[in-house]
Amino acid sequence: MRIRHKKHECIGCALCEQEAPSYFVMDEEGMATLLDFQQVGVFQTGEGLEIDRAALKRAADGCPVNIIHID
């Protein structure tokens, strides 16, 4: 599955890192970044494993600024 994240709109709540720590980390500025990503336009994009779908969905659904998308 594809993960898309708009880092430049992150507010630093860290929910994504808590829910999916294998995919998200907080950078030195306190903003979430997607691990192993490629920049595609405004999105950081990466691939997620099906086994992690529930955790990634919790991260996307819980994001207060709706900047994480799972396809």
PDB file of N, CA and C in Angstrom:
ATOM      1  N   MET A   1       0.838  -1.173   0.000  1.00  0.00           N
ATOM      2  CA  MET A   1       0.000   0.000   0.000  1.00  0.00           C
ATOM      3  C   MET A   1       0.884   1.238   0.000  1.00  0.00           C
ATOM      4  N   ARG A   2       0.358   2.311  -0.523  1.00  0.00           N
ATOM      5  CA  ARG A   2       1.135   3.553  -0.617  1.00  0.00           C
ATOM      6  C   ARG A   2       0.765   4.478   0.540  1.00  0.00           C
ATOM      7  N   ILE A   3       1.786   5.114   1.105  1.00  0.00           N
ATOM      8  CA  ILE A   3       1.621   6.100   2.169  1.00  0.00           C
ATOM      9  C   ILE A   3       2.015   7.453   1.588  1.00  0.00           C
ATOM     10  N   ARG A   4       1.180   8.455   1.814  1.00  0.00           N
ATOM     11  CA  ARG A   4       1.510   9.824   1.396  1.00  0.00           C
ATOM     12  C   ARG A   4       1.404  10.733   2.615  1.00  0.00           C
ATOM     13  N   HIS A   5       2.384  11.607   2.783  1.00  0.00           N
ATOM     14  CA  HIS A   5       2.463  12.475   3.968  1.00  0.00           C
ATOM     15  C   HIS A   5       2.914  13.868   3.542  1.00  0.00           C
ATOM     16  N   LYS A   6       2.183  14.897   3.963  1.00  0.00           N
ATOM     17  CA  LYS A   6       2.557  16.287   3.657  1.00  0.00           C
ATOM     18  C   LYS A   6       3.323  16.862   4.841  1.00  0.00           C
ATOM     19  N   LYS A   7       4.607  16.622   4.878  1.00  0.00           N
ATOM     20  CA  LYS A   7       5.424  17.057   6.014  1.00  0.00           C
ATOM     21  C   LYS A   7       5.323  18.559   6.263  1.00  0.00           C
ATOM     22  N   HIS A   8       5.282  19.363   5.229  1.00  0.00           N
ATOM     23  CA  HIS A   8       5.297  20.818   5.412  1.00  0.00           C
ATOM     24  C   HIS A   8       4.045  21.332   6.124  1.00  0.00           C
ATOM     25  N   GLU A   9       3.001  20.507   6.254  1.00  0.00           N
ATOM     26  CA  GLU A   9       1.790  20.904   6.976  1.00  0.00           C
ATOM     27  C   GLU A   9       1.703  20.283   8.365  1.00  0.00           C
ATOM     28  N   CYS A  10       2.723  19.541   8.766  1.00  0.00           N
ATOM     29  CA  CYS A  10       2.741  18.862  10.071  1.00  0.00           C
ATOM     30  C   CYS A  10       2.741  19.885  11.207  1.00  0.00           C
ATOM     31  N   ILE A  11       2.001  19.562  12.285  1.00  0.00           N
ATOM     32  CA  ILE A  11       1.985  20.427  13.468  1.00  0.00           C
ATOM     33  C   ILE A  11       2.764  19.816  14.635  1.00  0.00           C
ATOM     34  N   GLY A  12       3.347  18.627  14.433  1.00  0.00           N
ATOM     35  CA  GLY A  12       4.211  18.033  15.437  1.00  0.00           C
ATOM     36  C   GLY A  12       3.508  17.350  16.594  1.00  0.00           C
ATOM     37  N   CYS A  13       2.313  16.831  16.393  1.00  0.00           N
ATOM     38  CA  CYS A  13       1.584  16.191  17.503  1.00  0.00           C
ATOM     39  C   CYS A  13       2.163  14.828  17.875  1.00  0.00           C
ATOM     40  N   ALA A  14       2.877  14.172  16.978  1.00  0.00           N
ATOM     41  CA  ALA A  14       3.565  12.897  17.180  1.00  0.00           C
ATOM     42  C   ALA A  14       2.651  11.678  17.232  1.00  0.00           C
ATOM     43  N   LEU A  15       1.371  11.827  16.928  1.00  0.00           N
ATOM     44  CA  LEU A  15       0.475  10.680  16.931  1.00  0.00           C
ATOM     45  C   LEU A  15       0.912   9.628  15.916  1.00  0.00           C
ATOM     46  N   CYS A  16       1.345  10.048  14.744  1.00  0.00           N
ATOM     47  CA  CYS A  16       1.763   9.090  13.716  1.00  0.00           C
ATOM     48  C   CYS A  16       2.956   8.262  14.183  1.00  0.00           C
ATOM     49  N   GLU A  17       3.886   8.884  14.851  1.00  0.00           N
ATOM     50  CA  GLU A  17       5.045   8.161  15.370  1.00  0.00           C
ATOM     51  C   GLU A  17       4.625   7.173  16.447  1.00  0.00           C
ATOM     52  N   GLN A  18       3.666   7.549  17.272  1.00  0.00           N
ATOM     53  CA  GLN A  18       3.168   6.655  18.318  1.00  0.00           C
ATOM     54  C   GLN A  18       2.436   5.458  17.717  1.00  0.00           C
ATOM     55  N   GLU A  19       1.623   5.691  16.702  1.00  0.00           N
ATOM     56  CA  GLU A  19       0.823   4.622  16.099  1.00  0.00           C
ATOM     57  C   GLU A  19       1.619   3.754  15.127  1.00  0.00           C
ATOM     58  N   ALA A  20       2.547   4.341  14.395  1.00  0.00           N
ATOM     59  CA  ALA A  20       3.294   3.610  13.365  1.00  0.00           C
ATOM     60  C   ALA A  20       4.775   3.973  13.408  1.00  0.00           C
ATOM     61  N   PRO A  21       5.466   3.599  14.496  1.00  0.00           N
ATOM     62  CA  PRO A  21       6.871   4.002  14.652  1.00  0.00           C
ATOM     63  C   PRO A  21       7.829   3.392  13.628  1.00  0.00           C
ATOM     64  N   SER A  22       7.403   2.364  12.928  1.00  0.00           N
ATOM     65  CA  SER A  22       8.247   1.790  11.875  1.00  0.00           C
ATOM     66  C   SER A  22       8.215   2.629  10.609  1.00  0.00           C
ATOM     67  N   TYR A  23       7.294   3.602  10.556  1.00  0.00           N
ATOM     68  CA  TYR A  23       7.114   4.413   9.360  1.00  0.00           C
ATOM     69  C   TYR A  23       7.350   5.904   9.579  1.00  0.00           C
ATOM     70  N   PHE A  24       7.115   6.392  10.792  1.00  0.00           N
ATOM     71  CA  PHE A  24       7.232   7.821  11.071  1.00  0.00           C
ATOM     72  C   PHE A  24       8.176   8.081  12.235  1.00  0.00           C
ATOM     73  N   VAL A  25       8.967   9.144  12.124  1.00  0.00           N
ATOM     74  CA  VAL A  25       9.817   9.624  13.222  1.00  0.00           C
ATOM     75  C   VAL A  25       9.693  11.138  13.287  1.00  0.00           C
ATOM     76  N   MET A  26       9.945  11.669  14.452  1.00  0.00           N
ATOM     77  CA  MET A  26       9.949  13.115  14.617  1.00  0.00           C
ATOM     78  C   MET A  26      11.360  13.607  14.329  1.00  0.00           C
ATOM     79  N   ASP A  27      11.478  14.631  13.498  1.00  0.00           N
ATOM     80  CA  ASP A  27      12.796  15.147  13.146  1.00  0.00           C
ATOM     81  C   ASP A  27      13.307  16.111  14.215  1.00  0.00           C
ATOM     82  N   GLU A  28      14.462  16.687  13.975  1.00  0.00           N
ATOM     83  CA  GLU A  28      15.091  17.580  14.951  1.00  0.00           C
ATOM     84  C   GLU A  28      14.280  18.852  15.202  1.00  0.00           C
ATOM     85  N   GLU A  29      13.359  19.173  14.306  1.00  0.00           N
ATOM     86  CA  GLU A  29      12.494  20.347  14.480  1.00  0.00           C
ATOM     87  C   GLU A  29      11.151  19.989  15.109  1.00  0.00           C
ATOM     88  N   GLY A  30      10.977  18.701  15.463  1.00  0.00           N
ATOM     89  CA  GLY A  30       9.741  18.256  16.087  1.00  0.00           C
ATOM     90  C   GLY A  30       8.606  17.985  15.122  1.00  0.00           C
ATOM     91  N   MET A  31       8.931  17.805  13.847  1.00  0.00           N
ATOM     92  CA  MET A  31       7.916  17.510  12.838  1.00  0.00           C
ATOM     93  C   MET A  31       8.069  16.068  12.369  1.00  0.00           C
ATOM     94  N   ALA A  32       6.943  15.440  12.038  1.00  0.00           N
ATOM     95  CA  ALA A  32       6.972  14.051  11.584  1.00  0.00           C
ATOM     96  C   ALA A  32       7.565  13.959  10.191  1.00  0.00           C
ATOM     97  N   THR A  33       8.326  12.910   9.982  1.00  0.00           N
ATOM     98  CA  THR A  33       8.839  12.610   8.660  1.00  0.00           C
ATOM     99  C   THR A  33       8.622  11.130   8.389  1.00  0.00           C
ATOM    100  N   LEU A  34       8.305  10.803   7.160  1.00  0.00           N
ATOM    101  CA  LEU A  34       8.105   9.424   6.744  1.00  0.00           C
ATOM    102  C   LEU A  34       9.464   8.801   6.481  1.00  0.00           C
ATOM    103  N   LEU A  35       9.686   7.621   7.018  1.00  0.00           N
ATOM    104  CA  LEU A  35      10.946   6.925   6.781  1.00  0.00           C
ATOM    105  C   LEU A  35      10.957   6.335   5.375  1.00  0.00           C
ATOM    106  N   ASP A  36      12.119   6.232   4.784  1.00  0.00           N
ATOM    107  CA  ASP A  36      12.289   5.623   3.455  1.00  0.00           C
ATOM    108  C   ASP A  36      11.302   6.186   2.434  1.00  0.00           C
ATOM    109  N   PHE A  37      11.308   7.506   2.276  1.00  0.00           N
ATOM    110  CA  PHE A  37      10.347   8.151   1.390  1.00  0.00           C
ATOM    111  C   PHE A  37      11.003   8.697   0.137  1.00  0.00           C
ATOM    112  N   GLN A  38      10.151   8.978  -0.836  1.00  0.00           N
ATOM    113  CA  GLN A  38      10.524   9.738  -2.020  1.00  0.00           C
ATOM    114  C   GLN A  38       9.640  10.969  -2.023  1.00  0.00           C
ATOM    115  N   GLN A  39      10.189  12.100  -2.398  1.00  0.00           N
ATOM    116  CA  GLN A  39       9.397  13.319  -2.495  1.00  0.00           C
ATOM    117  C   GLN A  39       8.698  13.336  -3.857  1.00  0.00           C
ATOM    118  N   VAL A  40       7.373  13.436  -3.825  1.00  0.00           N
ATOM    119  CA  VAL A  40       6.575  13.509  -5.048  1.00  0.00           C
ATOM    120  C   VAL A  40       5.645  14.705  -4.887  1.00  0.00           C
ATOM    121  N   GLY A  41       6.000  15.808  -5.506  1.00  0.00           N
ATOM    122  CA  GLY A  41       5.234  17.034  -5.329  1.00  0.00           C
ATOM    123  C   GLY A  41       5.290  17.475  -3.873  1.00  0.00           C
ATOM    124  N   VAL A  42       4.129  17.695  -3.276  1.00  0.00           N
ATOM    125  CA  VAL A  42       4.081  18.134  -1.875  1.00  0.00           C
ATOM    126  C   VAL A  42       4.130  16.961  -0.899  1.00  0.00           C
ATOM    127  N   PHE A  43       4.084  15.731  -1.415  1.00  0.00           N
ATOM    128  CA  PHE A  43       4.023  14.553  -0.552  1.00  0.00           C
ATOM    129  C   PHE A  43       5.352  13.832  -0.410  1.00  0.00           C
ATOM    130  N   GLN A  44       5.610  13.356   0.813  1.00  0.00           N
ATOM    131  CA  GLN A  44       6.595  12.311   1.018  1.00  0.00           C
ATOM    132  C   GLN A  44       5.814  11.025   0.752  1.00  0.00           C
ATOM    133  N   THR A  45       6.322  10.137  -0.083  1.00  0.00           N
ATOM    134  CA  THR A  45       5.612   8.895  -0.370  1.00  0.00           C
ATOM    135  C   THR A  45       6.491   7.708  -0.032  1.00  0.00           C
ATOM    136  N   GLY A  46       5.842   6.642   0.409  1.00  0.00           N
ATOM    137  CA  GLY A  46       6.548   5.422   0.744  1.00  0.00           C
ATOM    138  C   GLY A  46       5.607   4.240   0.635  1.00  0.00           C
ATOM    139  N   GLU A  47       6.138   3.072   0.863  1.00  0.00           N
ATOM    140  CA  GLU A  47       5.357   1.840   0.784  1.00  0.00           C
ATOM    141  C   GLU A  47       5.169   1.256   2.176  1.00  0.00           C
ATOM    142  N   GLY A  48       3.963   0.798   2.434  1.00  0.00           N
ATOM    143  CA  GLY A  48       3.649   0.159   3.702  1.00  0.00           C
ATOM    144  C   GLY A  48       3.324  -1.307   3.493  1.00  0.00           C
ATOM    145  N   LEU A  49       3.561  -2.093   4.512  1.00  0.00           N
ATOM    146  CA  LEU A  49       3.249  -3.515   4.464  1.00  0.00           C
ATOM    147  C   LEU A  49       1.803  -3.745   4.884  1.00  0.00           C
ATOM    148  N   GLU A  50       1.162  -4.712   4.270  1.00  0.00           N
ATOM    149  CA  GLU A  50      -0.233  -5.018   4.588  1.00  0.00           C
ATOM    150  C   GLU A  50      -0.404  -5.346   6.066  1.00  0.00           C
ATOM    151  N   ILE A  51       0.560  -5.990   6.662  1.00  0.00           N
ATOM    152  CA  ILE A  51       0.484  -6.342   8.086  1.00  0.00           C
ATOM    153  C   ILE A  51       0.407  -5.099   8.984  1.00  0.00           C
ATOM    154  N   ASP A  52       0.874  -3.961   8.482  1.00  0.00           N
ATOM    155  CA  ASP A  52       0.873  -2.707   9.243  1.00  0.00           C
ATOM    156  C   ASP A  52      -0.305  -1.802   8.904  1.00  0.00           C
ATOM    157  N   ARG A  53      -1.239  -2.287   8.103  1.00  0.00           N
ATOM    158  CA  ARG A  53      -2.362  -1.463   7.650  1.00  0.00           C
ATOM    159  C   ARG A  53      -3.139  -0.842   8.810  1.00  0.00           C
ATOM    160  N   ALA A  54      -3.442  -1.614   9.841  1.00  0.00           N
ATOM    161  CA  ALA A  54      -4.242  -1.098  10.968  1.00  0.00           C
ATOM    162  C   ALA A  54      -3.527   0.058  11.664  1.00  0.00           C
ATOM    163  N   ALA A  55      -2.228  -0.083  11.905  1.00  0.00           N
ATOM    164  CA  ALA A  55      -1.468   0.981  12.568  1.00  0.00           C
ATOM    165  C   ALA A  55      -1.386   2.222  11.681  1.00  0.00           C
ATOM    166  N   LEU A  56      -1.164   2.025  10.397  1.00  0.00           N
ATOM    167  CA  LEU A  56      -1.092   3.156   9.476  1.00  0.00           C
ATOM    168  C   LEU A  56      -2.447   3.851   9.351  1.00  0.00           C
ATOM    169  N   LYS A  57      -3.528   3.077   9.353  1.00  0.00           N
ATOM    170  CA  LYS A  57      -4.864   3.669   9.305  1.00  0.00           C
ATOM    171  C   LYS A  57      -5.144   4.479  10.559  1.00  0.00           C
ATOM    172  N   ARG A  58      -4.725   3.984  11.729  1.00  0.00           N
ATOM    173  CA  ARG A  58      -4.896   4.759  12.968  1.00  0.00           C
ATOM    174  C   ARG A  58      -4.122   6.066  12.891  1.00  0.00           C
ATOM    175  N   ALA A  59      -2.914   6.017  12.337  1.00  0.00           N
ATOM    176  CA  ALA A  59      -2.109   7.237  12.190  1.00  0.00           C
ATOM    177  C   ALA A  59      -2.803   8.215  11.253  1.00  0.00           C
ATOM    178  N   ALA A  60      -3.300   7.723  10.128  1.00  0.00           N
ATOM    179  CA  ALA A  60      -3.964   8.597   9.156  1.00  0.00           C
ATOM    180  C   ALA A  60      -5.277   9.151   9.718  1.00  0.00           C
ATOM    181  N   ASP A  61      -6.081   8.282  10.314  1.00  0.00           N
ATOM    182  CA  ASP A  61      -7.382   8.709  10.843  1.00  0.00           C
ATOM    183  C   ASP A  61      -7.241   9.655  12.027  1.00  0.00           C
ATOM    184  N   GLY A  62      -6.179   9.477  12.813  1.00  0.00           N
ATOM    185  CA  GLY A  62      -5.989  10.299  14.005  1.00  0.00           C
ATOM    186  C   GLY A  62      -5.251  11.602  13.766  1.00  0.00           C
ATOM    187  N   CYS A  63      -4.668  11.769  12.596  1.00  0.00           N
ATOM    188  CA  CYS A  63      -3.902  12.979  12.306  1.00  0.00           C
ATOM    189  C   CYS A  63      -4.831  14.209  12.371  1.00  0.00           C
ATOM    190  N   PRO A  64      -4.568  15.152  13.274  1.00  0.00           N
ATOM    191  CA  PRO A  64      -5.468  16.279  13.439  1.00  0.00           C
ATOM    192  C   PRO A  64      -5.496  17.256  12.264  1.00  0.00           C
ATOM    193  N   VAL A  65      -4.518  17.190  11.377  1.00  0.00           N
ATOM    194  CA  VAL A  65      -4.504  18.080  10.216  1.00  0.00           C
ATOM    195  C   VAL A  65      -4.678  17.323   8.892  1.00  0.00           C
ATOM    196  N   ASN A  66      -5.000  16.027   8.991  1.00  0.00           N
ATOM    197  CA  ASN A  66      -5.360  15.209   7.816  1.00  0.00           C
ATOM    198  C   ASN A  66      -4.306  15.266   6.707  1.00  0.00           C
ATOM    199  N   ILE A  67      -3.040  15.008   7.074  1.00  0.00           N
ATOM    200  CA  ILE A  67      -1.965  15.079   6.072  1.00  0.00           C
ATOM    201  C   ILE A  67      -1.355  13.727   5.760  1.00  0.00           C
ATOM    202  N   ILE A  68      -1.943  12.646   6.296  1.00  0.00           N
ATOM    203  CA  ILE A  68      -1.465  11.292   6.023  1.00  0.00           C
ATOM    204  C   ILE A  68      -2.566  10.569   5.252  1.00  0.00           C
ATOM    205  N   HIS A  69      -2.176   9.964   4.124  1.00  0.00           N
ATOM    206  CA  HIS A  69      -3.135   9.243   3.291  1.00  0.00           C
ATOM    207  C   HIS A  69      -2.582   7.858   3.000  1.00  0.00           C
ATOM    208  N   ILE A  70      -3.444   6.852   3.137  1.00  0.00           N
ATOM    209  CA  ILE A  70      -3.075   5.465   2.882  1.00  0.00           C
ATOM    210  C   ILE A  70      -3.894   4.994   1.692  1.00  0.00           C
ATOM    211  N   ASP A  71      -3.237   4.557   0.634  1.00  0.00           N
ATOM    212  CA  ASP A  71      -3.935   4.052  -0.566  1.00  0.00           C
ATOM    213  C   ASP A  71      -3.630   2.577  -0.749  1.00  0.00           C
TER     214      ASP A  71
END
